[in-house]
Protein backbone atom coordinates (compact mmCIF):
# COMPACT_ATOMS: atom_id res chain seq x y z
CA UNK A 1 -31.57 33.58 -9.79
CA UNK A 2 -29.38 30.71 -10.93
CA UNK A 3 -25.95 31.83 -12.13
CA UNK A 4 -24.46 30.41 -15.28
CA UNK A 5 -20.85 29.38 -15.72
CA UNK A 6 -18.66 30.08 -18.69
CA UNK A 7 -16.97 27.02 -20.24
CA UNK A 8 -13.59 26.21 -18.73
CA UNK A 9 -10.51 24.88 -20.44
CA UNK A 10 -10.13 21.60 -18.58
CA UNK A 11 -8.35 18.30 -18.83
CA UNK A 12 -11.36 15.93 -18.82
CA UNK A 13 -9.40 12.68 -18.95
CA UNK A 14 -12.33 10.53 -17.94
CA UNK A 15 -14.43 11.85 -20.81
CA UNK A 16 -11.83 11.41 -23.52
CA UNK A 17 -10.74 7.96 -22.42
CA UNK A 18 -14.09 6.50 -21.37
CA UNK A 19 -14.57 4.29 -24.42
CA UNK A 20 -11.04 2.92 -24.23
CA UNK A 21 -11.22 2.23 -20.52
CA UNK A 22 -14.45 0.34 -20.66
CA UNK A 23 -13.52 -1.60 -23.77
CA UNK A 24 -10.39 -3.00 -22.07
CA UNK A 25 -10.07 -5.82 -19.57
CA UNK A 26 -11.78 -5.62 -16.21
CA UNK A 27 -8.46 -5.53 -14.35
CA UNK A 28 -4.98 -4.55 -15.52
CA UNK A 29 -1.94 -6.64 -14.62
CA UNK A 30 1.00 -4.95 -12.91
CA UNK A 31 4.33 -6.11 -11.57
CA UNK A 32 4.56 -6.44 -7.81
CA UNK A 33 7.52 -4.02 -7.76
CA UNK A 34 5.27 -1.29 -9.20
CA UNK A 35 2.52 -1.51 -6.58
CA UNK A 36 4.32 -2.19 -3.27
CA UNK A 37 6.92 -0.68 -1.00
CA UNK A 38 9.46 -2.99 0.63
CA UNK A 39 9.89 -2.68 4.38
CA UNK A 40 13.18 -0.96 5.22
CA UNK A 41 14.04 -0.16 1.59
CA UNK A 42 13.54 3.60 1.53
CA UNK A 43 15.31 6.94 1.43
CA UNK A 44 16.49 8.57 4.65
CA UNK A 45 16.36 12.34 5.03
CA UNK A 46 19.49 14.24 6.05
CA UNK A 47 19.74 17.89 7.11
CA UNK A 48 22.48 20.29 8.12
CA UNK A 49 23.30 23.98 8.63
CA UNK A 50 25.94 25.49 6.37
CA UNK A 51 27.39 28.64 4.86
CA UNK A 52 27.65 29.60 1.20
CA UNK A 53 30.52 31.95 0.33
CA UNK A 54 31.70 33.67 -2.84
CA UNK A 55 28.43 35.47 -3.61
CA UNK A 56 28.61 38.65 -5.66
CA UNK A 57 27.09 40.97 -3.07
CA UNK A 58 23.84 38.98 -3.00
CA UNK A 59 24.31 37.35 0.40
CA UNK A 60 22.97 38.08 3.88
CA UNK A 61 23.22 41.52 5.48
CA UNK A 62 25.24 40.74 8.62
CA UNK A 63 23.57 43.38 10.78
CA UNK A 64 20.19 41.72 10.09
CA UNK A 65 21.33 38.08 10.40
CA UNK A 66 23.10 37.29 13.67
CA UNK A 67 23.52 33.61 12.75
CA UNK A 68 25.43 34.47 9.58
CA UNK A 69 27.74 36.87 11.43
CA UNK A 70 28.40 34.31 14.15
CA UNK A 71 29.14 31.62 11.54
CA UNK A 72 31.69 33.93 9.88
CA UNK A 73 33.38 34.70 13.23
CA UNK A 74 33.56 31.00 14.14
CA UNK A 75 35.01 30.13 10.73
CA UNK A 76 37.70 32.81 10.98
CA UNK A 77 38.60 31.78 14.54
CA UNK A 78 39.15 28.18 13.42
CA UNK A 79 41.61 29.63 10.92
CA UNK A 80 43.50 31.50 13.68
CA UNK A 81 41.89 34.94 13.25
CA UNK A 82 40.30 36.47 16.35
CA UNK A 83 37.84 38.99 14.93
CA UNK A 84 35.82 39.23 18.17
CA UNK A 85 38.60 40.87 20.14
CA UNK A 86 39.46 43.38 17.44
CA UNK A 87 37.27 46.41 16.93
CA UNK A 88 36.12 45.32 13.48
CA UNK A 89 32.86 45.95 11.72
CA UNK A 90 32.04 42.97 9.52
CA UNK A 91 29.86 44.15 6.64
CA UNK A 92 30.31 41.62 3.87
CA UNK A 93 27.37 40.52 1.72
CA UNK A 94 29.26 37.74 -0.01
CA UNK A 95 28.09 34.92 2.26
CA UNK A 96 24.75 33.44 3.28
CA UNK A 97 23.50 31.04 5.94
CA UNK A 98 21.72 28.06 4.37
CA UNK A 99 19.86 24.89 5.26
CA UNK A 100 21.22 21.85 3.44
CA UNK A 101 18.97 18.85 2.79
CA UNK A 102 19.47 15.54 1.03
CA UNK A 103 17.86 12.11 0.64
CA UNK A 104 20.12 9.22 1.54
CA UNK A 105 19.28 6.44 -0.95
CA UNK A 106 18.76 2.88 0.33
CA UNK A 107 21.83 0.66 0.54
CA UNK A 108 24.19 3.65 0.21
CA UNK A 109 27.80 2.79 1.07
CA UNK A 110 30.65 5.02 2.26
CA UNK A 111 32.14 7.00 -0.61
CA UNK A 112 28.91 7.10 -2.66
CA UNK A 113 27.93 10.56 -3.98
CA UNK A 114 24.42 11.97 -4.39
CA UNK A 115 22.72 15.34 -4.89
CA UNK A 116 22.01 17.94 -2.22
CA UNK A 117 19.61 20.92 -2.01
CA UNK A 118 20.74 24.26 -0.58
CA UNK A 119 18.19 26.87 0.61
CA UNK A 120 18.86 30.36 1.99
CA UNK A 121 17.52 31.03 5.50
CA UNK A 122 18.35 34.76 5.73
CA UNK A 123 17.76 37.76 3.47
CA UNK A 124 20.18 36.71 0.71
CA UNK A 125 18.97 37.67 -2.77
CA UNK A 126 20.70 34.89 -4.71
CA UNK A 127 22.92 31.86 -4.17
CA UNK A 128 24.01 31.68 -7.81
CA UNK A 129 27.69 30.80 -8.18
CA UNK A 130 28.32 30.51 -4.44
CA UNK A 131 30.30 27.70 -2.85
CA UNK A 132 28.97 25.66 0.04
CA UNK A 133 31.59 25.12 2.75
CA UNK A 134 31.84 21.54 4.02
CA UNK A 135 28.65 20.82 5.95
CA UNK A 136 27.93 17.67 8.01
CA UNK A 137 24.51 16.13 7.35
CA UNK A 138 22.73 14.25 10.12
CA UNK A 139 19.73 11.90 10.22
CA UNK A 140 16.87 12.07 12.76
CA UNK A 141 18.86 9.80 15.07
CA UNK A 142 21.53 12.51 15.35
CA UNK A 143 24.21 10.46 13.57
CA UNK A 144 26.20 12.16 10.77
CA UNK A 145 25.97 10.09 7.58
CA UNK A 146 27.37 12.47 4.97
CA UNK A 147 29.18 15.73 4.26
CA UNK A 148 28.24 18.26 1.57
CA UNK A 149 30.39 20.75 -0.33
CA UNK A 150 30.48 22.27 -3.80
CA UNK A 151 29.27 25.02 -6.14
CA UNK A 152 25.58 25.89 -5.98
CA UNK A 153 23.59 25.93 -9.23
CA UNK A 154 20.18 27.62 -8.98
CA UNK A 155 18.90 27.52 -12.57
CA UNK A 156 17.35 30.95 -11.92
CA UNK A 157 18.00 34.48 -13.15
CA UNK A 158 17.48 37.74 -11.24
CA UNK A 159 18.41 41.36 -11.92
CA UNK A 160 17.70 44.73 -10.33
CA UNK A 161 17.99 48.35 -11.42
CA UNK A 162 19.17 51.47 -9.62
CA UNK A 163 15.57 52.68 -9.26
CA UNK A 164 14.65 49.59 -7.27
CA UNK A 165 12.92 47.65 -10.03
CA UNK A 166 13.67 43.93 -10.08
CA UNK A 167 12.96 40.97 -12.30
CA UNK A 168 13.52 37.30 -11.59
CA UNK A 169 12.88 33.94 -13.20
CA UNK A 170 12.79 30.89 -10.97
CA UNK A 171 13.92 30.92 -7.33
CA UNK A 172 17.51 32.19 -6.99
CA UNK A 173 17.61 31.60 -3.22
CA UNK A 174 17.52 27.80 -3.56
CA UNK A 175 19.71 25.52 -5.64
CA UNK A 176 21.32 22.10 -5.97
CA UNK A 177 24.80 20.66 -5.95
CA UNK A 178 25.05 17.64 -8.24
CA UNK A 179 26.97 14.90 -6.45
CA UNK A 180 27.58 17.32 -3.59
CA UNK A 181 27.20 14.80 -0.76
CA UNK A 182 29.71 12.09 0.05
CA UNK A 183 28.46 9.18 2.14
CA UNK A 184 30.56 8.92 5.29
CA UNK A 185 28.83 6.20 7.30
CA UNK A 186 27.07 2.94 6.47
CA UNK A 187 23.41 2.65 7.47
CA UNK A 188 23.97 -1.03 8.43
CA UNK A 189 20.75 -2.39 6.91
CA UNK A 190 21.36 -6.07 6.13
CA UNK A 191 18.51 -7.13 3.85
CA UNK A 192 20.07 -10.44 2.87
CA UNK A 193 20.04 -11.71 6.47
CA UNK A 194 16.37 -11.00 7.15
CA UNK A 195 14.16 -14.05 7.74
CA UNK A 196 10.85 -12.29 7.07
CA UNK A 197 9.89 -9.10 5.29
CA UNK A 198 6.69 -7.13 4.69
CA UNK A 199 5.44 -5.77 1.37
CA UNK A 200 3.18 -2.71 1.77
CA UNK A 201 0.69 -1.82 -0.96
CA UNK A 202 0.86 1.80 -2.08
CA UNK A 203 -2.92 1.73 -2.60
CA UNK A 204 -4.28 -0.57 0.14
CA UNK A 205 -6.98 -2.98 -1.07
CA UNK A 206 -7.96 -6.40 0.29
CA UNK A 207 -8.48 -7.89 -3.18
CA UNK A 208 -5.13 -6.70 -4.51
CA UNK A 209 -3.30 -7.87 -1.39
CA UNK A 210 -4.90 -11.29 -1.83
CA UNK A 211 -3.77 -11.40 -5.47
CA UNK A 212 -0.19 -10.53 -4.43
CA UNK A 213 -0.10 -13.31 -1.83
CA UNK A 214 -1.64 -15.82 -4.26
CA UNK A 215 0.86 -14.94 -7.02
CA UNK A 216 3.83 -15.40 -4.69
CA UNK A 217 2.51 -18.68 -3.26
CA UNK A 218 1.80 -20.01 -6.75
CA UNK A 219 5.50 -19.57 -7.58
CA UNK A 220 6.94 -20.26 -4.12
CA UNK A 221 4.40 -22.28 -2.08
CA UNK A 222 3.94 -21.17 1.53
CA UNK A 223 6.16 -18.06 1.17
CA UNK A 224 3.52 -15.32 1.52
CA UNK A 225 0.74 -14.48 3.95
CA UNK A 226 -1.74 -11.62 3.66
CA UNK A 227 -1.96 -9.71 6.96
CA UNK A 228 -4.47 -6.97 6.05
CA UNK A 229 -5.48 -4.74 3.16
CA UNK A 230 -2.00 -3.20 2.91
CA UNK A 231 0.56 -5.75 4.13
CA UNK A 232 1.74 -9.08 2.74
CA UNK A 233 4.43 -10.84 4.80
CA UNK A 234 6.96 -12.98 2.90
CA UNK A 235 9.83 -15.31 3.77
CA UNK A 236 12.47 -16.65 1.38
CA UNK A 237 12.05 -19.99 -0.31
CA UNK A 238 14.41 -22.78 0.68
CA UNK A 239 17.96 -22.24 -0.54
CA UNK A 240 17.50 -18.50 -1.20
CA UNK A 241 18.36 -15.39 0.82
CA UNK A 242 16.02 -12.40 0.97
CA UNK A 243 17.79 -10.43 -1.77
CA UNK A 244 17.64 -13.25 -4.32
CA UNK A 245 14.05 -14.03 -3.31
CA UNK A 246 12.91 -10.41 -3.80
CA UNK A 247 14.55 -10.38 -7.23
CA UNK A 248 12.19 -13.21 -8.23
CA UNK A 249 9.09 -11.89 -6.45
CA UNK A 250 9.10 -8.29 -7.69
CA UNK A 251 8.67 -9.30 -11.34
CA UNK A 252 5.55 -11.42 -10.75
CA UNK A 253 2.40 -9.99 -12.36
CA UNK A 254 -0.87 -9.58 -10.46
CA UNK A 255 -4.36 -8.22 -11.14
CA UNK A 256 -4.76 -4.84 -9.46
CA UNK A 257 -8.17 -3.91 -8.11
CA UNK A 258 -9.37 -0.59 -6.69
CA UNK A 259 -12.59 0.81 -5.20
CA UNK A 260 -14.89 2.86 -7.42
CA UNK A 261 -13.99 6.52 -7.02
CA UNK A 262 -14.75 9.85 -8.67
CA UNK A 263 -12.13 12.55 -8.08
CA UNK A 264 -13.25 16.16 -8.54
CA UNK A 265 -11.07 19.26 -8.58
CA UNK A 266 -13.59 22.08 -8.31
CA UNK A 267 -11.00 24.82 -8.77
CA UNK A 268 -9.61 23.55 -12.08
CA UNK A 269 -12.83 21.85 -13.19
CA UNK A 270 -11.15 18.44 -13.59
CA UNK A 271 -13.16 15.24 -13.22
CA UNK A 272 -11.55 11.77 -13.20
CA UNK A 273 -13.65 8.60 -12.87
CA UNK A 274 -12.42 5.03 -12.44
CA UNK A 275 -13.73 2.26 -14.64
CA UNK A 276 -15.41 0.53 -11.67
CA UNK A 277 -17.94 3.37 -11.27
CA UNK A 278 -21.51 2.10 -11.65
CA UNK A 279 -24.85 3.92 -11.78
CA UNK A 280 -28.25 2.75 -10.57
CA UNK A 281 -31.40 3.68 -12.50
CA UNK A 282 -31.62 7.47 -12.56
CA UNK A 283 -33.00 10.23 -14.80
CA UNK A 284 -31.05 13.45 -15.33
CA UNK A 285 -32.12 16.78 -16.78
CA UNK A 286 -29.99 19.88 -16.96
CA UNK A 287 -30.78 23.36 -18.17
CA UNK A 288 -29.61 26.92 -17.70
CA UNK A 289 -31.70 29.90 -16.62
CA UNK A 290 -30.09 33.25 -17.34
CA UNK A 291 -31.51 36.48 -15.93
CA UNK A 292 -29.97 39.66 -17.37
CA UNK A 293 -30.50 43.07 -15.79
CA UNK A 294 -29.28 46.15 -17.67
CA UNK A 295 -29.24 49.53 -16.00
CA UNK A 296 -29.15 52.77 -18.00
CA UNK A 297 -29.97 56.43 -17.44
CA UNK A 298 -31.97 58.92 -19.51
CA UNK A 299 -32.08 62.69 -19.23
CA UNK A 300 -35.61 64.17 -18.91
CA UNK A 301 -35.89 67.82 -19.92
CA UNK A 302 -38.95 70.12 -19.66
CA UNK A 303 -40.64 71.28 -22.86
CA UNK A 304 -39.75 74.63 -24.37
CA UNK A 305 -41.12 77.71 -22.61
CA UNK A 306 -42.46 75.61 -19.72
CA UNK A 307 -42.47 77.13 -16.26
CA UNK A 308 -41.16 75.39 -13.19
CA UNK A 309 -39.76 72.42 -15.08
CA UNK A 310 -36.33 71.01 -14.23
CA UNK A 311 -33.92 68.69 -15.97
CA UNK A 312 -33.76 65.27 -14.26
CA UNK A 313 -31.95 61.96 -14.73
CA UNK A 314 -34.38 59.04 -14.94
CA UNK A 315 -33.00 55.49 -14.33
CA UNK A 316 -34.06 52.82 -16.83
CA UNK A 317 -34.01 49.05 -16.07
CA UNK A 318 -34.24 46.35 -18.74
CA UNK A 319 -34.80 42.83 -17.39
CA UNK A 320 -34.73 39.77 -19.67
CA UNK A 321 -35.05 36.06 -18.91
CA UNK A 322 -33.50 33.40 -21.14
CA UNK A 323 -34.21 29.75 -20.33
CA UNK A 324 -32.41 27.09 -22.34
CA UNK A 325 -34.87 24.85 -24.16
CA UNK A 326 -34.72 21.41 -25.72
CA UNK A 327 -32.91 19.54 -22.94
CA UNK A 328 -34.56 16.18 -22.33
CA UNK A 329 -34.22 13.70 -19.51
CA UNK A 330 -31.32 11.28 -19.88
CA UNK A 331 -32.13 7.92 -18.29
CA UNK A 332 -29.38 5.59 -17.10
CA UNK A 333 -30.44 2.05 -16.27
CA UNK A 334 -29.25 0.03 -13.30
CA UNK A 335 -25.63 -1.12 -13.57
CA UNK A 336 -24.72 1.50 -16.13
CA UNK A 337 -20.97 1.72 -16.64
CA UNK A 338 -18.57 4.64 -16.91
CA UNK A 339 -19.12 4.78 -20.68
CA UNK A 340 -22.90 5.09 -20.23
CA UNK A 341 -22.51 7.81 -17.62
CA UNK A 342 -20.08 9.80 -19.75
CA UNK A 343 -22.19 9.40 -22.88
CA UNK A 344 -25.28 10.58 -21.01
CA UNK A 345 -23.56 13.64 -19.57
CA UNK A 346 -22.05 14.49 -22.94
CA UNK A 347 -25.50 14.23 -24.53
CA UNK A 348 -26.67 16.96 -22.17
CA UNK A 349 -23.84 19.21 -23.37
CA UNK A 350 -22.95 20.20 -19.82
CA UNK A 351 -19.93 22.21 -18.80
CA UNK A 352 -17.45 20.68 -16.34
CA UNK A 353 -18.79 22.75 -13.46
CA UNK A 354 -22.36 21.65 -14.18
CA UNK A 355 -21.11 18.07 -14.48
CA UNK A 356 -19.66 18.32 -10.97
CA UNK A 357 -23.04 19.39 -9.63
CA UNK A 358 -24.78 16.56 -11.50
CA UNK A 359 -22.41 13.90 -10.12
CA UNK A 360 -22.86 15.20 -6.59
CA UNK A 361 -26.64 15.19 -7.05
CA UNK A 362 -26.57 11.60 -8.35
CA UNK A 363 -24.53 10.63 -5.28
CA UNK A 364 -27.03 12.36 -3.00
CA UNK A 365 -29.85 10.48 -4.70
CA UNK A 366 -28.05 7.21 -3.86
CA UNK A 367 -27.62 6.24 -7.52
CA UNK A 368 -23.85 6.66 -7.82
CA UNK A 369 -22.10 3.52 -6.60
CA UNK A 370 -18.73 5.16 -6.01
CA UNK A 371 -16.90 7.38 -3.56
CA UNK A 372 -16.62 11.07 -4.48
CA UNK A 373 -13.37 12.75 -3.44
CA UNK A 374 -13.36 16.54 -3.75
CA UNK A 375 -9.95 18.18 -3.84
């Protein structure tokens, strides 16, 4: 028995845009700045442990969170209050232990402000309206590069009733502080003084890397060298430092190439095909066979005045077979493009799930000249 699939509501971008993609140029031009990463020019991740105070009874339960209780005791001791020696029972729920994370932007200088994310690490119910106490943020090298403080905004809503029912929208246990981090230490990355630099393609490809090197050398002879499918090494032209040179290089346009690929999301039923996909000669036929089995019961009763008869329930089975007719072979000739493939599959009237099976079968037959990536 071959099961049938109900039509899915899908975003079939490759189908809707096939004609436009194949009618356009063979390769699209892009700026170098849009397709490469520059060595050393990147964000740096910072992390720290902090405490949010001022919560309206939605913070950590101290008896369940030893780290929050210890943080409160340490904070009070730095203010001259020795709560450890006194026989006190700390039971506040107006504070919460949090992990603070931020991305240090490239070329950040001391005094620069940027955003920070605050996430509860205990059993706090909400961080809305709380205030993060000054928290040092360190990089993987252990050096502190910034300090965070400010009011937490979660953008979420939560409420609970006396009976225990709750409702929430968004995630109230995580929030952001706009401009909450102040840069304290310079990263000491001197781009202008570098003699050589590497450009890394975001989508490695030998052809594209060659185009990048050729475009740079056409403008600044001898300034670029392709090292592999992902890296192009550059050095500034005479009379220019690296910063001024990059300002000229990043706006150069190049032809971007990419391998033929078909991306399939089986869960959502999404199929995306690149314009470089080609098909060898192949014939395709698709049809649905539906077998329906209906079970019912009937009551069998003996005739009037009969002796020894009993009432019984008799099962009834109704089996029907429905095979879709009228589907003919679709033949795609050698070198068929994306438009031909899409037009052929559309002519069959297939559903996205059936189309996934057809593409995989064409690949198995050796007629699909593209890589299939299943997500």
